[in-house]
Amino acid sequence: MFSTVTLALDGIITDTTHMHYESFLYDFNFFNIFLPDNLSYEEQIIFRKNDWLHSLLSLNTDQKEDIIKKKNDYYSTYLTKLNFEDLYPGIDNLFSEMEHLSIKINCYSDNPLAKNVLKQLGLNYETNILTLDDLSNQSSDIMIVDHKTELNHNPSLLLFLTQDYSNNKRVHCIQNTEEITMAYLKKIWEEQR
């Protein structure tokens, strides 16, 4: 039986993509920069990172750093509004079952407020938090990520939350978080053995 499961905090447990986007919308009002307020979810994903700011050639480095700081301040305030209802379906039950079975749970996130986010979502805030850099030094039996995550880590079993089909036999694609139950994880774990 597996003993460790690692999940992406943002994208599997909850989704804060819209919060990053809306934080930039709020922030840009102070800088008189136009940002469309009706982007699709797929278009909003770019705002989860700050790399796209490099393309704004009209701003100098100090201005970009100021934008990022103000955006992060607003985003941190926004995170305090998360609650149990922001959990993806099935995640609460999965956490409860894993805790009951003494399966070690890791969440990865580069957000320094990750522990607070888990607590606000009603999950065990003592869950081990890993950064993306930690992943390469950490072993995990099962890793569950969203399709945008770039990994250089090889767990025994990798699950992608995606609509895309993968030809990699070690990768299992799932359509939504409600599919990620202990029964499902046990079944595919046994099939791998």
N, C-alpha and C. Protein backbone atom coordinates (compact mmCIF):
# COMPACT_ATOMS: atom_id res chain seq x y z
N MET A 1 0.85 -1.19 0.00
CA MET A 1 0.00 0.00 0.00
C MET A 1 0.90 1.25 0.00
N PHE A 2 0.45 2.29 -0.68
CA PHE A 2 1.23 3.53 -0.73
C PHE A 2 1.16 4.24 0.62
N SER A 3 2.18 5.06 0.88
CA SER A 3 2.24 5.74 2.18
C SER A 3 2.31 7.26 2.07
N THR A 4 2.54 7.78 0.86
CA THR A 4 2.69 9.23 0.68
C THR A 4 1.96 9.68 -0.58
N VAL A 5 1.17 10.74 -0.45
CA VAL A 5 0.49 11.34 -1.60
C VAL A 5 0.83 12.83 -1.61
N THR A 6 1.23 13.33 -2.76
CA THR A 6 1.54 14.75 -2.93
C THR A 6 0.55 15.36 -3.90
N LEU A 7 -0.07 16.46 -3.50
CA LEU A 7 -1.07 17.14 -4.33
C LEU A 7 -0.68 18.60 -4.53
N ALA A 8 -1.02 19.12 -5.69
CA ALA A 8 -0.87 20.56 -5.94
C ALA A 8 -1.93 21.30 -5.15
N LEU A 9 -1.51 22.30 -4.38
CA LEU A 9 -2.49 23.08 -3.63
C LEU A 9 -3.38 23.87 -4.58
N ASP A 10 -2.76 24.58 -5.51
CA ASP A 10 -3.52 25.40 -6.45
C ASP A 10 -3.73 24.61 -7.73
N GLY A 11 -4.98 24.24 -7.98
CA GLY A 11 -5.29 23.49 -9.19
C GLY A 11 -5.90 22.13 -8.87
N ILE A 12 -5.57 21.56 -7.71
CA ILE A 12 -6.15 20.28 -7.31
C ILE A 12 -7.01 20.44 -6.07
N ILE A 13 -6.49 21.12 -5.05
CA ILE A 13 -7.24 21.30 -3.81
C ILE A 13 -8.22 22.47 -3.94
N THR A 14 -7.76 23.55 -4.52
CA THR A 14 -8.61 24.70 -4.79
C THR A 14 -8.02 25.39 -6.02
N ASP A 15 -8.66 26.43 -6.48
CA ASP A 15 -8.14 27.14 -7.65
C ASP A 15 -8.16 28.63 -7.39
N THR A 16 -6.99 29.24 -7.39
CA THR A 16 -6.92 30.69 -7.14
C THR A 16 -6.55 31.47 -8.40
N THR A 17 -6.68 30.83 -9.56
CA THR A 17 -6.34 31.51 -10.82
C THR A 17 -7.08 32.84 -10.93
N HIS A 18 -8.41 32.82 -10.68
CA HIS A 18 -9.19 34.06 -10.79
C HIS A 18 -8.73 35.12 -9.79
N MET A 19 -8.18 34.68 -8.65
CA MET A 19 -7.69 35.64 -7.66
C MET A 19 -6.42 36.35 -8.13
N HIS A 20 -5.54 35.60 -8.79
CA HIS A 20 -4.34 36.24 -9.37
C HIS A 20 -4.77 37.27 -10.41
N TYR A 21 -5.66 36.87 -11.29
CA TYR A 21 -6.13 37.74 -12.37
C TYR A 21 -6.81 38.99 -11.81
N GLU A 22 -7.75 38.80 -10.86
CA GLU A 22 -8.47 39.93 -10.31
C GLU A 22 -7.55 40.84 -9.49
N SER A 23 -6.51 40.27 -8.90
CA SER A 23 -5.53 41.09 -8.17
C SER A 23 -4.77 42.00 -9.13
N PHE A 24 -4.42 41.46 -10.31
CA PHE A 24 -3.77 42.30 -11.31
C PHE A 24 -4.73 43.36 -11.84
N LEU A 25 -6.00 42.99 -12.04
CA LEU A 25 -6.99 43.98 -12.49
C LEU A 25 -7.07 45.14 -11.50
N TYR A 26 -7.17 44.82 -10.23
CA TYR A 26 -7.24 45.82 -9.17
C TYR A 26 -5.97 46.68 -9.17
N ASP A 27 -4.84 46.01 -9.25
CA ASP A 27 -3.54 46.67 -9.21
C ASP A 27 -3.35 47.62 -10.38
N PHE A 28 -3.75 47.20 -11.57
CA PHE A 28 -3.51 48.00 -12.77
C PHE A 28 -4.29 49.31 -12.78
N ASN A 29 -5.37 49.38 -12.01
CA ASN A 29 -6.10 50.64 -11.90
C ASN A 29 -5.21 51.76 -11.38
N PHE A 30 -4.26 51.42 -10.52
CA PHE A 30 -3.36 52.42 -9.94
C PHE A 30 -2.28 52.86 -10.92
N PHE A 31 -2.06 52.05 -11.94
CA PHE A 31 -0.99 52.34 -12.90
C PHE A 31 -1.52 52.78 -14.26
N ASN A 32 -2.85 52.94 -14.34
CA ASN A 32 -3.49 53.34 -15.61
C ASN A 32 -3.10 52.44 -16.76
N ILE A 33 -3.07 51.15 -16.47
CA ILE A 33 -2.79 50.15 -17.51
C ILE A 33 -4.08 49.38 -17.75
N PHE A 34 -4.45 49.26 -19.02
CA PHE A 34 -5.68 48.56 -19.35
C PHE A 34 -5.44 47.05 -19.38
N LEU A 35 -6.31 46.33 -18.71
CA LEU A 35 -6.30 44.88 -18.74
C LEU A 35 -7.74 44.44 -18.92
N PRO A 36 -8.05 43.66 -19.97
CA PRO A 36 -9.45 43.25 -20.19
C PRO A 36 -9.99 42.51 -18.96
N ASP A 37 -11.23 42.81 -18.60
CA ASP A 37 -11.80 42.18 -17.41
C ASP A 37 -12.71 41.00 -17.75
N ASN A 38 -12.63 40.50 -18.98
CA ASN A 38 -13.52 39.41 -19.38
C ASN A 38 -12.76 38.24 -20.01
N LEU A 39 -11.54 37.99 -19.54
CA LEU A 39 -10.75 36.90 -20.11
C LEU A 39 -11.30 35.54 -19.68
N SER A 40 -11.14 34.55 -20.53
CA SER A 40 -11.57 33.19 -20.20
C SER A 40 -10.63 32.60 -19.15
N TYR A 41 -11.05 31.50 -18.56
CA TYR A 41 -10.20 30.85 -17.55
C TYR A 41 -8.84 30.49 -18.13
N GLU A 42 -8.82 29.93 -19.33
CA GLU A 42 -7.55 29.55 -19.96
C GLU A 42 -6.64 30.77 -20.17
N GLU A 43 -7.25 31.91 -20.51
CA GLU A 43 -6.46 33.13 -20.70
C GLU A 43 -5.97 33.69 -19.36
N GLN A 44 -6.73 33.45 -18.29
CA GLN A 44 -6.35 33.96 -16.97
C GLN A 44 -5.17 33.21 -16.37
N ILE A 45 -4.92 31.99 -16.82
CA ILE A 45 -3.86 31.16 -16.23
C ILE A 45 -2.49 31.85 -16.28
N ILE A 46 -2.25 32.63 -17.31
CA ILE A 46 -0.95 33.32 -17.43
C ILE A 46 -0.67 34.20 -16.21
N PHE A 47 -1.70 34.66 -15.53
CA PHE A 47 -1.52 35.58 -14.41
C PHE A 47 -1.14 34.88 -13.11
N ARG A 48 -1.06 33.53 -13.15
CA ARG A 48 -0.60 32.81 -11.95
C ARG A 48 0.89 33.04 -11.72
N LYS A 49 1.60 33.47 -12.75
CA LYS A 49 3.02 33.81 -12.62
C LYS A 49 3.20 35.26 -13.05
N ASN A 50 4.36 35.81 -12.75
CA ASN A 50 4.61 37.22 -13.09
C ASN A 50 5.45 37.40 -14.35
N ASP A 51 5.84 36.30 -14.99
CA ASP A 51 6.73 36.36 -16.15
C ASP A 51 6.21 37.25 -17.28
N TRP A 52 4.90 37.27 -17.46
CA TRP A 52 4.31 38.00 -18.57
C TRP A 52 4.59 39.51 -18.49
N LEU A 53 4.92 40.01 -17.28
CA LEU A 53 5.20 41.44 -17.14
C LEU A 53 6.41 41.89 -17.95
N HIS A 54 7.31 40.95 -18.27
CA HIS A 54 8.49 41.30 -19.06
C HIS A 54 8.11 41.86 -20.44
N SER A 55 6.93 41.49 -20.91
CA SER A 55 6.50 41.95 -22.23
C SER A 55 6.01 43.40 -22.22
N LEU A 56 5.81 43.97 -21.04
CA LEU A 56 5.37 45.37 -20.96
C LEU A 56 6.59 46.28 -21.04
N LEU A 57 6.98 46.60 -22.24
CA LEU A 57 8.21 47.36 -22.46
C LEU A 57 8.12 48.81 -22.01
N SER A 58 6.91 49.30 -21.84
CA SER A 58 6.74 50.70 -21.43
C SER A 58 7.04 50.92 -19.95
N LEU A 59 7.21 49.83 -19.19
CA LEU A 59 7.50 49.95 -17.76
C LEU A 59 8.94 49.60 -17.46
N ASN A 60 9.54 50.34 -16.54
CA ASN A 60 10.91 50.00 -16.14
C ASN A 60 10.87 48.94 -15.04
N THR A 61 12.02 48.47 -14.64
CA THR A 61 12.12 47.38 -13.66
C THR A 61 11.49 47.77 -12.32
N ASP A 62 11.74 48.98 -11.85
CA ASP A 62 11.17 49.42 -10.57
C ASP A 62 9.64 49.44 -10.62
N GLN A 63 9.09 49.90 -11.74
CA GLN A 63 7.63 49.93 -11.88
C GLN A 63 7.05 48.50 -11.87
N LYS A 64 7.72 47.60 -12.55
CA LYS A 64 7.25 46.20 -12.57
C LYS A 64 7.31 45.58 -11.19
N GLU A 65 8.37 45.87 -10.45
CA GLU A 65 8.49 45.35 -9.08
C GLU A 65 7.40 45.94 -8.18
N ASP A 66 7.08 47.21 -8.41
CA ASP A 66 6.02 47.85 -7.64
C ASP A 66 4.67 47.22 -7.95
N ILE A 67 4.44 46.91 -9.22
CA ILE A 67 3.20 46.24 -9.63
C ILE A 67 3.09 44.88 -8.94
N ILE A 68 4.16 44.12 -8.95
CA ILE A 68 4.15 42.78 -8.35
C ILE A 68 3.90 42.89 -6.84
N LYS A 69 4.54 43.84 -6.19
CA LYS A 69 4.35 44.00 -4.75
C LYS A 69 2.90 44.34 -4.43
N LYS A 70 2.33 45.31 -5.14
CA LYS A 70 0.94 45.70 -4.88
C LYS A 70 -0.02 44.55 -5.21
N LYS A 71 0.26 43.85 -6.29
CA LYS A 71 -0.58 42.71 -6.65
C LYS A 71 -0.54 41.66 -5.55
N ASN A 72 0.67 41.33 -5.06
CA ASN A 72 0.81 40.31 -4.02
C ASN A 72 0.14 40.72 -2.71
N ASP A 73 0.20 42.00 -2.40
CA ASP A 73 -0.48 42.50 -1.19
C ASP A 73 -1.98 42.28 -1.30
N TYR A 74 -2.53 42.65 -2.45
CA TYR A 74 -3.97 42.49 -2.64
C TYR A 74 -4.34 41.01 -2.69
N TYR A 75 -3.52 40.21 -3.35
CA TYR A 75 -3.75 38.76 -3.46
C TYR A 75 -3.76 38.13 -2.06
N SER A 76 -2.83 38.53 -1.19
CA SER A 76 -2.76 37.99 0.18
C SER A 76 -4.05 38.30 0.94
N THR A 77 -4.57 39.52 0.76
CA THR A 77 -5.83 39.89 1.39
C THR A 77 -6.97 39.06 0.82
N TYR A 78 -6.95 38.87 -0.48
CA TYR A 78 -7.98 38.09 -1.18
C TYR A 78 -8.01 36.65 -0.65
N LEU A 79 -6.83 36.08 -0.38
CA LEU A 79 -6.75 34.69 0.09
C LEU A 79 -7.48 34.49 1.41
N THR A 80 -7.57 35.53 2.21
CA THR A 80 -8.25 35.39 3.51
C THR A 80 -9.75 35.16 3.34
N LYS A 81 -10.26 35.34 2.14
CA LYS A 81 -11.68 35.13 1.89
C LYS A 81 -12.01 33.69 1.49
N LEU A 82 -10.97 32.87 1.28
CA LEU A 82 -11.21 31.46 0.94
C LEU A 82 -11.89 30.76 2.11
N ASN A 83 -12.74 29.78 1.79
CA ASN A 83 -13.36 28.97 2.84
C ASN A 83 -13.66 27.57 2.31
N PHE A 84 -14.29 26.76 3.12
CA PHE A 84 -14.58 25.37 2.81
C PHE A 84 -15.26 25.21 1.44
N GLU A 85 -16.10 26.16 1.07
CA GLU A 85 -16.84 26.07 -0.19
C GLU A 85 -15.92 26.21 -1.41
N ASP A 86 -14.69 26.68 -1.22
CA ASP A 86 -13.74 26.84 -2.32
C ASP A 86 -12.94 25.57 -2.61
N LEU A 87 -13.14 24.53 -1.79
CA LEU A 87 -12.48 23.25 -2.05
C LEU A 87 -13.06 22.64 -3.32
N TYR A 88 -12.21 21.99 -4.11
CA TYR A 88 -12.74 21.22 -5.23
C TYR A 88 -13.50 20.02 -4.70
N PRO A 89 -14.52 19.56 -5.43
CA PRO A 89 -15.33 18.42 -4.96
C PRO A 89 -14.48 17.18 -4.70
N GLY A 90 -14.77 16.50 -3.59
CA GLY A 90 -14.11 15.24 -3.27
C GLY A 90 -12.84 15.38 -2.45
N ILE A 91 -12.25 16.57 -2.39
CA ILE A 91 -10.96 16.75 -1.72
C ILE A 91 -11.07 16.57 -0.21
N ASP A 92 -12.14 17.08 0.39
CA ASP A 92 -12.31 16.95 1.83
C ASP A 92 -12.36 15.47 2.24
N ASN A 93 -13.15 14.68 1.51
CA ASN A 93 -13.25 13.25 1.81
C ASN A 93 -11.91 12.54 1.61
N LEU A 94 -11.20 12.91 0.56
CA LEU A 94 -9.89 12.30 0.29
C LEU A 94 -8.92 12.58 1.43
N PHE A 95 -8.86 13.83 1.89
CA PHE A 95 -7.98 14.18 3.02
C PHE A 95 -8.36 13.39 4.27
N SER A 96 -9.67 13.33 4.55
CA SER A 96 -10.13 12.61 5.74
C SER A 96 -9.73 11.15 5.71
N GLU A 97 -9.93 10.51 4.56
CA GLU A 97 -9.56 9.09 4.44
C GLU A 97 -8.06 8.88 4.55
N MET A 98 -7.27 9.74 3.92
CA MET A 98 -5.82 9.58 3.99
C MET A 98 -5.33 9.78 5.43
N GLU A 99 -5.89 10.76 6.12
CA GLU A 99 -5.50 10.97 7.51
C GLU A 99 -5.89 9.77 8.37
N HIS A 100 -7.08 9.22 8.13
CA HIS A 100 -7.54 8.05 8.88
C HIS A 100 -6.62 6.85 8.65
N LEU A 101 -6.09 6.72 7.45
CA LEU A 101 -5.20 5.60 7.11
C LEU A 101 -3.73 5.91 7.38
N SER A 102 -3.45 7.06 7.98
CA SER A 102 -2.08 7.50 8.29
C SER A 102 -1.20 7.60 7.05
N ILE A 103 -1.80 8.02 5.96
CA ILE A 103 -1.04 8.28 4.73
C ILE A 103 -0.52 9.70 4.82
N LYS A 104 0.76 9.87 4.61
CA LYS A 104 1.38 11.20 4.68
C LYS A 104 0.91 12.04 3.49
N ILE A 105 0.45 13.24 3.79
CA ILE A 105 -0.05 14.15 2.76
C ILE A 105 0.92 15.31 2.60
N ASN A 106 1.39 15.51 1.37
CA ASN A 106 2.19 16.68 1.03
C ASN A 106 1.36 17.56 0.10
N CYS A 107 1.44 18.85 0.27
CA CYS A 107 0.90 19.79 -0.70
C CYS A 107 2.06 20.63 -1.18
N TYR A 108 2.08 20.92 -2.47
CA TYR A 108 3.14 21.81 -2.91
C TYR A 108 2.56 23.12 -3.41
N SER A 109 3.28 24.16 -3.02
CA SER A 109 2.89 25.51 -3.37
C SER A 109 4.06 26.43 -3.07
N ASP A 110 4.29 27.41 -3.91
CA ASP A 110 5.31 28.41 -3.63
C ASP A 110 4.74 29.61 -2.87
N ASN A 111 3.48 29.51 -2.51
CA ASN A 111 2.82 30.59 -1.79
C ASN A 111 3.21 30.51 -0.31
N PRO A 112 3.82 31.56 0.25
CA PRO A 112 4.21 31.53 1.67
C PRO A 112 3.01 31.43 2.61
N LEU A 113 1.80 31.68 2.10
CA LEU A 113 0.59 31.60 2.92
C LEU A 113 -0.11 30.25 2.79
N ALA A 114 0.57 29.25 2.23
CA ALA A 114 -0.07 27.96 1.95
C ALA A 114 -0.70 27.33 3.19
N LYS A 115 0.00 27.35 4.30
CA LYS A 115 -0.57 26.75 5.53
C LYS A 115 -1.85 27.46 5.96
N ASN A 116 -1.85 28.79 5.84
CA ASN A 116 -3.07 29.55 6.17
C ASN A 116 -4.21 29.19 5.22
N VAL A 117 -3.88 29.01 3.95
CA VAL A 117 -4.91 28.66 2.96
C VAL A 117 -5.54 27.31 3.32
N LEU A 118 -4.70 26.32 3.68
CA LEU A 118 -5.24 25.00 4.07
C LEU A 118 -6.17 25.15 5.27
N LYS A 119 -5.77 25.95 6.23
CA LYS A 119 -6.58 26.14 7.43
C LYS A 119 -7.92 26.78 7.07
N GLN A 120 -7.89 27.82 6.22
CA GLN A 120 -9.13 28.49 5.82
C GLN A 120 -10.05 27.56 5.04
N LEU A 121 -9.46 26.62 4.31
CA LEU A 121 -10.26 25.67 3.54
C LEU A 121 -10.82 24.57 4.42
N GLY A 122 -10.40 24.53 5.69
CA GLY A 122 -10.90 23.52 6.61
C GLY A 122 -10.12 22.23 6.57
N LEU A 123 -8.94 22.24 5.95
CA LEU A 123 -8.11 21.05 5.87
C LEU A 123 -7.06 21.07 6.97
N ASN A 124 -6.39 19.95 7.15
CA ASN A 124 -5.37 19.84 8.18
C ASN A 124 -4.20 20.76 7.83
N TYR A 125 -4.06 21.84 8.59
CA TYR A 125 -3.00 22.81 8.29
C TYR A 125 -1.63 22.30 8.72
N GLU A 126 -1.58 21.10 9.34
CA GLU A 126 -0.28 20.50 9.66
C GLU A 126 0.26 19.67 8.50
N THR A 127 -0.51 19.61 7.41
CA THR A 127 -0.06 18.95 6.20
C THR A 127 1.29 19.51 5.79
N ASN A 128 2.18 18.64 5.34
CA ASN A 128 3.52 19.06 4.93
C ASN A 128 3.44 19.92 3.67
N ILE A 129 3.99 21.13 3.72
CA ILE A 129 3.99 22.02 2.56
C ILE A 129 5.36 21.97 1.90
N LEU A 130 5.37 21.72 0.61
CA LEU A 130 6.60 21.68 -0.17
C LEU A 130 6.58 22.82 -1.18
N THR A 131 7.75 23.36 -1.48
CA THR A 131 7.85 24.29 -2.60
C THR A 131 8.11 23.47 -3.86
N LEU A 132 8.03 24.10 -5.01
CA LEU A 132 8.33 23.39 -6.26
C LEU A 132 9.77 22.90 -6.26
N ASP A 133 10.67 23.65 -5.65
CA ASP A 133 12.07 23.22 -5.55
C ASP A 133 12.22 21.99 -4.67
N ASP A 134 11.39 21.89 -3.62
CA ASP A 134 11.45 20.73 -2.72
C ASP A 134 11.07 19.43 -3.42
N LEU A 135 10.25 19.54 -4.46
CA LEU A 135 9.73 18.33 -5.11
C LEU A 135 10.84 17.43 -5.64
N SER A 136 11.92 18.01 -6.13
CA SER A 136 12.98 17.20 -6.71
C SER A 136 13.75 16.42 -5.64
N ASN A 137 13.64 16.86 -4.38
CA ASN A 137 14.33 16.18 -3.28
C ASN A 137 13.41 15.31 -2.44
N GLN A 138 12.16 15.24 -2.82
CA GLN A 138 11.15 14.56 -2.01
C GLN A 138 10.60 13.37 -2.77
N SER A 139 10.49 12.24 -2.10
CA SER A 139 9.88 11.09 -2.78
C SER A 139 8.40 11.03 -2.41
N SER A 140 7.62 10.55 -3.34
CA SER A 140 6.19 10.42 -3.12
C SER A 140 5.70 9.21 -3.91
N ASP A 141 4.83 8.43 -3.29
CA ASP A 141 4.28 7.28 -4.00
C ASP A 141 3.35 7.73 -5.12
N ILE A 142 2.48 8.67 -4.79
CA ILE A 142 1.48 9.16 -5.75
C ILE A 142 1.56 10.68 -5.78
N MET A 143 1.55 11.24 -6.99
CA MET A 143 1.52 12.69 -7.14
C MET A 143 0.33 13.04 -8.02
N ILE A 144 -0.44 14.03 -7.58
CA ILE A 144 -1.64 14.47 -8.31
C ILE A 144 -1.45 15.94 -8.64
N VAL A 145 -1.41 16.25 -9.93
CA VAL A 145 -1.13 17.62 -10.37
C VAL A 145 -2.13 18.05 -11.42
N ASP A 146 -2.21 19.35 -11.63
CA ASP A 146 -3.03 19.81 -12.74
C ASP A 146 -2.16 19.82 -14.00
N HIS A 147 -2.78 19.94 -15.15
CA HIS A 147 -2.06 19.75 -16.41
C HIS A 147 -1.08 20.87 -16.73
N LYS A 148 -1.08 21.95 -15.95
CA LYS A 148 -0.15 23.05 -16.22
C LYS A 148 1.16 22.92 -15.43
N THR A 149 1.23 21.93 -14.54
CA THR A 149 2.40 21.79 -13.68
C THR A 149 3.56 21.16 -14.44
N GLU A 150 4.72 21.78 -14.32
CA GLU A 150 5.93 21.23 -14.93
C GLU A 150 6.71 20.50 -13.84
N LEU A 151 7.03 19.22 -14.08
CA LEU A 151 7.69 18.42 -13.06
C LEU A 151 9.03 17.90 -13.54
N ASN A 152 9.97 17.83 -12.61
CA ASN A 152 11.22 17.12 -12.90
C ASN A 152 11.39 16.05 -11.82
N HIS A 153 10.27 15.55 -11.34
CA HIS A 153 10.23 14.58 -10.26
C HIS A 153 9.48 13.34 -10.75
N ASN A 154 9.93 12.17 -10.35
CA ASN A 154 9.31 10.94 -10.81
C ASN A 154 8.67 10.16 -9.67
N PRO A 155 7.41 10.39 -9.37
CA PRO A 155 6.73 9.58 -8.37
C PRO A 155 6.44 8.19 -8.93
N SER A 156 6.07 7.26 -8.07
CA SER A 156 5.72 5.93 -8.55
C SER A 156 4.49 5.97 -9.45
N LEU A 157 3.57 6.84 -9.11
CA LEU A 157 2.33 6.96 -9.86
C LEU A 157 1.98 8.43 -10.01
N LEU A 158 1.73 8.86 -11.23
CA LEU A 158 1.45 10.26 -11.51
C LEU A 158 0.05 10.39 -12.10
N LEU A 159 -0.75 11.28 -11.51
CA LEU A 159 -2.09 11.54 -12.01
C LEU A 159 -2.17 12.99 -12.47
N PHE A 160 -2.71 13.19 -13.67
CA PHE A 160 -2.91 14.53 -14.20
C PHE A 160 -4.40 14.84 -14.25
N LEU A 161 -4.78 15.98 -13.73
CA LEU A 161 -6.14 16.48 -13.89
C LEU A 161 -6.17 17.22 -15.22
N THR A 162 -6.75 16.60 -16.23
CA THR A 162 -6.67 17.17 -17.57
C THR A 162 -7.74 16.57 -18.47
N GLN A 163 -8.02 17.26 -19.52
CA GLN A 163 -8.91 16.72 -20.56
C GLN A 163 -8.09 16.03 -21.66
N ASP A 164 -6.77 16.14 -21.56
CA ASP A 164 -5.89 15.59 -22.59
C ASP A 164 -5.59 14.12 -22.31
N TYR A 165 -5.39 13.38 -23.35
CA TYR A 165 -5.03 11.97 -23.22
C TYR A 165 -3.51 11.84 -23.22
N SER A 166 -2.98 11.00 -22.37
CA SER A 166 -1.54 10.79 -22.32
C SER A 166 -1.21 9.37 -22.73
N ASN A 167 -0.16 9.22 -23.54
CA ASN A 167 0.31 7.89 -23.94
C ASN A 167 1.29 7.30 -22.95
N ASN A 168 1.71 8.08 -21.97
CA ASN A 168 2.65 7.60 -20.98
C ASN A 168 1.92 6.65 -20.03
N LYS A 169 2.38 5.41 -19.94
CA LYS A 169 1.70 4.41 -19.11
C LYS A 169 1.77 4.75 -17.62
N ARG A 170 2.75 5.54 -17.22
CA ARG A 170 2.88 5.89 -15.81
C ARG A 170 2.01 7.09 -15.45
N VAL A 171 1.36 7.68 -16.45
CA VAL A 171 0.52 8.85 -16.19
C VAL A 171 -0.95 8.45 -16.35
N HIS A 172 -1.74 8.74 -15.35
CA HIS A 172 -3.18 8.51 -15.42
C HIS A 172 -3.87 9.86 -15.50
N CYS A 173 -4.76 9.98 -16.47
CA CYS A 173 -5.49 11.23 -16.64
C CYS A 173 -6.86 11.12 -15.98
N ILE A 174 -7.22 12.14 -15.23
CA ILE A 174 -8.52 12.19 -14.58
C ILE A 174 -9.24 13.44 -15.05
N GLN A 175 -10.55 13.36 -15.09
CA GLN A 175 -11.34 14.45 -15.63
C GLN A 175 -11.69 15.52 -14.60
N ASN A 176 -11.85 15.10 -13.34
CA ASN A 176 -12.21 16.07 -12.29
C ASN A 176 -11.80 15.52 -10.94
N THR A 177 -11.77 16.37 -9.94
CA THR A 177 -11.26 15.95 -8.64
C THR A 177 -12.17 14.94 -7.94
N GLU A 178 -13.44 14.88 -8.32
CA GLU A 178 -14.34 13.89 -7.69
C GLU A 178 -13.91 12.46 -8.01
N GLU A 179 -13.13 12.27 -9.07
CA GLU A 179 -12.64 10.94 -9.40
C GLU A 179 -11.53 10.48 -8.47
N ILE A 180 -10.89 11.41 -7.76
CA ILE A 180 -9.73 11.06 -6.95
C ILE A 180 -10.19 10.60 -5.57
N THR A 181 -10.59 9.36 -5.48
CA THR A 181 -11.01 8.77 -4.20
C THR A 181 -9.96 7.76 -3.76
N MET A 182 -10.01 7.37 -2.50
CA MET A 182 -9.07 6.35 -2.02
C MET A 182 -9.28 5.04 -2.77
N ALA A 183 -10.53 4.71 -3.06
CA ALA A 183 -10.80 3.46 -3.79
C ALA A 183 -10.12 3.50 -5.16
N TYR A 184 -10.20 4.64 -5.83
CA TYR A 184 -9.57 4.79 -7.14
C TYR A 184 -8.06 4.71 -7.02
N LEU A 185 -7.49 5.43 -6.04
CA LEU A 185 -6.04 5.41 -5.86
C LEU A 185 -5.55 4.00 -5.55
N LYS A 186 -6.27 3.28 -4.68
CA LYS A 186 -5.88 1.91 -4.34
C LYS A 186 -5.93 1.02 -5.57
N LYS A 187 -6.98 1.18 -6.37
CA LYS A 187 -7.15 0.34 -7.57
C LYS A 187 -6.00 0.54 -8.55
N ILE A 188 -5.69 1.78 -8.88
CA ILE A 188 -4.62 1.98 -9.88
C ILE A 188 -3.24 1.68 -9.29
N TRP A 189 -3.10 1.84 -7.97
CA TRP A 189 -1.84 1.47 -7.33
C TRP A 189 -1.61 -0.04 -7.48
N GLU A 190 -2.65 -0.82 -7.22
CA GLU A 190 -2.52 -2.28 -7.35
C GLU A 190 -2.27 -2.70 -8.79
N GLU A 191 -2.89 -2.00 -9.74
CA GLU A 191 -2.68 -2.31 -11.16
C GLU A 191 -1.23 -2.06 -11.57
N GLN A 192 -0.56 -1.11 -10.92
CA GLN A 192 0.83 -0.80 -11.25
C GLN A 192 1.81 -1.86 -10.74
N ARG A 193 1.41 -2.58 -9.72
CA ARG A 193 2.32 -3.55 -9.08
C ARG A 193 2.46 -4.80 -9.88
